[in-house]
């Protein structure tokens, strides 16, 4: 069984950067890259801070 590895605690500076990135229209993937976090971590932190993230702009091609 693998040991659980805790993620680093979010700092106030990271929370502020997350908020700034959301307001600038940055994608979740780019936010994750800039914050050195997973996309899942960004989604969960935004949820905890009651920040609404925009839906993905990627559109699936029809019939493919």
N, C-alpha and C. Protein backbone atom coordinates (compact mmCIF):
# COMPACT_ATOMS: atom_id res chain seq x y z
N UNK A 1 0.84 -1.18 0.00
CA UNK A 1 0.00 0.00 0.00
C UNK A 1 0.89 1.25 0.00
N UNK A 2 0.59 2.16 -0.92
CA UNK A 2 1.39 3.38 -1.00
C UNK A 2 1.01 4.34 0.11
N UNK A 3 1.99 5.03 0.68
CA UNK A 3 1.67 6.02 1.72
C UNK A 3 1.00 7.24 1.10
N UNK A 4 0.12 7.87 1.85
CA UNK A 4 -0.52 9.10 1.38
C UNK A 4 0.46 10.25 1.49
N UNK A 5 0.49 11.07 0.45
CA UNK A 5 1.37 12.23 0.43
C UNK A 5 0.50 13.47 0.44
N UNK A 6 0.66 14.27 1.45
CA UNK A 6 -0.14 15.49 1.57
C UNK A 6 0.39 16.56 0.64
N UNK A 7 -0.52 17.30 0.04
CA UNK A 7 -0.14 18.44 -0.79
C UNK A 7 0.26 19.59 0.10
N UNK A 8 1.12 20.47 -0.40
CA UNK A 8 1.49 21.64 0.41
C UNK A 8 0.26 22.51 0.69
N UNK A 9 0.25 23.14 1.82
CA UNK A 9 -0.84 24.03 2.20
C UNK A 9 -0.84 25.24 1.26
N UNK A 10 -2.03 25.68 0.87
CA UNK A 10 -2.14 26.86 0.02
C UNK A 10 -1.78 28.11 0.84
N UNK A 11 -1.00 28.99 0.27
CA UNK A 11 -0.63 30.24 0.94
C UNK A 11 -1.58 31.35 0.52
N UNK A 12 -1.56 32.42 1.25
CA UNK A 12 -2.37 33.59 0.92
C UNK A 12 -1.97 34.13 -0.47
N UNK A 13 -0.67 34.10 -0.75
CA UNK A 13 -0.18 34.59 -2.04
C UNK A 13 -0.72 33.73 -3.19
N UNK A 14 -0.77 32.41 -2.98
CA UNK A 14 -1.32 31.52 -4.01
C UNK A 14 -2.82 31.76 -4.20
N UNK A 15 -3.53 31.99 -3.11
CA UNK A 15 -4.96 32.29 -3.21
C UNK A 15 -5.18 33.58 -4.00
N UNK A 16 -4.37 34.59 -3.74
CA UNK A 16 -4.49 35.87 -4.45
C UNK A 16 -4.14 35.70 -5.93
N UNK A 17 -3.11 34.90 -6.23
CA UNK A 17 -2.75 34.65 -7.62
C UNK A 17 -3.87 33.88 -8.32
N UNK A 18 -4.44 32.90 -7.64
CA UNK A 18 -5.56 32.15 -8.21
C UNK A 18 -6.70 33.08 -8.57
N UNK A 19 -7.05 33.97 -7.69
CA UNK A 19 -8.13 34.92 -7.93
C UNK A 19 -7.79 35.84 -9.10
N UNK A 20 -6.57 36.33 -9.16
CA UNK A 20 -6.14 37.20 -10.26
C UNK A 20 -6.20 36.46 -11.59
N UNK A 21 -5.79 35.20 -11.58
CA UNK A 21 -5.81 34.41 -12.81
C UNK A 21 -7.24 34.15 -13.27
N UNK A 22 -8.15 33.92 -12.33
CA UNK A 22 -9.55 33.71 -12.67
C UNK A 22 -10.10 34.96 -13.32
N UNK A 23 -9.84 36.13 -12.73
CA UNK A 23 -10.36 37.39 -13.27
C UNK A 23 -9.75 37.74 -14.62
N UNK A 24 -8.55 37.24 -14.89
CA UNK A 24 -7.91 37.54 -16.17
C UNK A 24 -8.35 36.58 -17.28
N UNK A 25 -9.17 35.58 -16.92
CA UNK A 25 -9.69 34.65 -17.91
C UNK A 25 -8.74 33.52 -18.26
N UNK A 26 -7.77 33.27 -17.42
CA UNK A 26 -6.79 32.21 -17.64
C UNK A 26 -7.46 30.84 -17.52
N UNK A 27 -7.05 29.91 -18.36
CA UNK A 27 -7.61 28.56 -18.31
C UNK A 27 -7.17 27.84 -17.04
N UNK A 28 -7.94 26.85 -16.64
CA UNK A 28 -7.60 26.08 -15.45
C UNK A 28 -6.27 25.37 -15.64
N UNK A 29 -6.03 24.87 -16.84
CA UNK A 29 -4.76 24.19 -17.12
C UNK A 29 -3.58 25.14 -16.93
N UNK A 30 -3.72 26.37 -17.40
CA UNK A 30 -2.65 27.36 -17.24
C UNK A 30 -2.51 27.77 -15.77
N UNK A 31 -3.65 27.90 -15.07
CA UNK A 31 -3.59 28.23 -13.64
C UNK A 31 -2.81 27.16 -12.90
N UNK A 32 -3.12 25.90 -13.20
CA UNK A 32 -2.44 24.78 -12.53
C UNK A 32 -0.94 24.84 -12.80
N UNK A 33 -0.58 25.14 -14.03
CA UNK A 33 0.84 25.22 -14.39
C UNK A 33 1.52 26.36 -13.64
N UNK A 34 0.87 27.52 -13.60
CA UNK A 34 1.45 28.69 -12.93
C UNK A 34 1.57 28.50 -11.42
N UNK A 35 0.61 27.76 -10.85
CA UNK A 35 0.59 27.55 -9.40
C UNK A 35 1.34 26.28 -8.98
N UNK A 36 1.84 25.52 -9.95
CA UNK A 36 2.52 24.25 -9.68
C UNK A 36 1.61 23.31 -8.88
N UNK A 37 0.35 23.24 -9.34
CA UNK A 37 -0.67 22.38 -8.72
C UNK A 37 -1.36 21.60 -9.82
N UNK A 38 -2.10 20.59 -9.45
CA UNK A 38 -2.89 19.85 -10.44
C UNK A 38 -4.16 20.65 -10.76
N UNK A 39 -4.79 20.31 -11.89
CA UNK A 39 -6.05 20.96 -12.24
C UNK A 39 -7.09 20.66 -11.18
N UNK A 40 -7.07 19.44 -10.66
CA UNK A 40 -8.01 19.05 -9.61
C UNK A 40 -7.82 19.91 -8.36
N UNK A 41 -6.57 20.18 -8.01
CA UNK A 41 -6.28 21.00 -6.84
C UNK A 41 -6.81 22.43 -7.04
N UNK A 42 -6.67 22.94 -8.26
CA UNK A 42 -7.17 24.28 -8.56
C UNK A 42 -8.68 24.32 -8.45
N UNK A 43 -9.37 23.32 -9.03
CA UNK A 43 -10.83 23.26 -8.93
C UNK A 43 -11.29 23.20 -7.48
N UNK A 44 -10.64 22.35 -6.68
CA UNK A 44 -11.05 22.20 -5.29
C UNK A 44 -10.77 23.44 -4.46
N UNK A 45 -9.64 24.10 -4.73
CA UNK A 45 -9.34 25.33 -3.98
C UNK A 45 -10.32 26.43 -4.34
N UNK A 46 -10.64 26.54 -5.62
CA UNK A 46 -11.62 27.54 -6.06
C UNK A 46 -12.97 27.27 -5.39
N UNK A 47 -13.36 26.01 -5.33
CA UNK A 47 -14.62 25.66 -4.68
C UNK A 47 -14.61 26.06 -3.21
N UNK A 48 -13.50 25.78 -2.54
CA UNK A 48 -13.39 26.12 -1.12
C UNK A 48 -13.46 27.63 -0.89
N UNK A 49 -12.87 28.40 -1.84
CA UNK A 49 -12.87 29.86 -1.72
C UNK A 49 -14.12 30.50 -2.33
N UNK A 50 -15.03 29.64 -2.83
CA UNK A 50 -16.27 30.10 -3.46
C UNK A 50 -16.00 30.98 -4.68
N UNK A 51 -15.02 30.55 -5.46
CA UNK A 51 -14.67 31.21 -6.72
C UNK A 51 -15.27 30.38 -7.84
N UNK A 52 -16.03 31.03 -8.71
CA UNK A 52 -16.64 30.32 -9.82
C UNK A 52 -15.67 30.32 -11.00
N UNK A 53 -15.34 29.13 -11.48
CA UNK A 53 -14.46 29.00 -12.63
C UNK A 53 -15.30 28.91 -13.90
N UNK A 54 -14.79 29.51 -14.97
CA UNK A 54 -15.49 29.45 -16.25
C UNK A 54 -15.44 28.02 -16.78
N UNK A 55 -16.46 27.66 -17.53
CA UNK A 55 -16.48 26.34 -18.15
C UNK A 55 -15.43 26.30 -19.25
N UNK A 56 -15.00 25.11 -19.58
CA UNK A 56 -14.00 24.91 -20.62
C UNK A 56 -14.51 25.47 -21.95
N UNK A 57 -13.62 26.09 -22.69
CA UNK A 57 -13.99 26.63 -24.00
C UNK A 57 -13.74 25.63 -25.11
N UNK A 58 -13.17 24.49 -24.78
CA UNK A 58 -12.88 23.48 -25.79
C UNK A 58 -14.19 22.88 -26.31
N UNK A 59 -14.30 22.79 -27.60
CA UNK A 59 -15.51 22.27 -28.22
C UNK A 59 -15.15 20.99 -28.94
N UNK A 60 -15.94 19.94 -28.71
CA UNK A 60 -15.70 18.67 -29.38
C UNK A 60 -16.22 18.76 -30.82
N UNK A 61 -15.48 18.18 -31.73
CA UNK A 61 -15.93 18.13 -33.13
C UNK A 61 -17.08 17.15 -33.24
N UNK A 62 -18.09 17.53 -33.98
CA UNK A 62 -19.26 16.66 -34.13
C UNK A 62 -18.93 15.49 -35.03
N UNK A 63 -19.46 14.35 -34.68
CA UNK A 63 -19.32 13.16 -35.51
C UNK A 63 -17.93 12.52 -35.46
N UNK A 64 -17.10 12.94 -34.53
CA UNK A 64 -15.75 12.36 -34.43
C UNK A 64 -15.55 11.71 -33.10
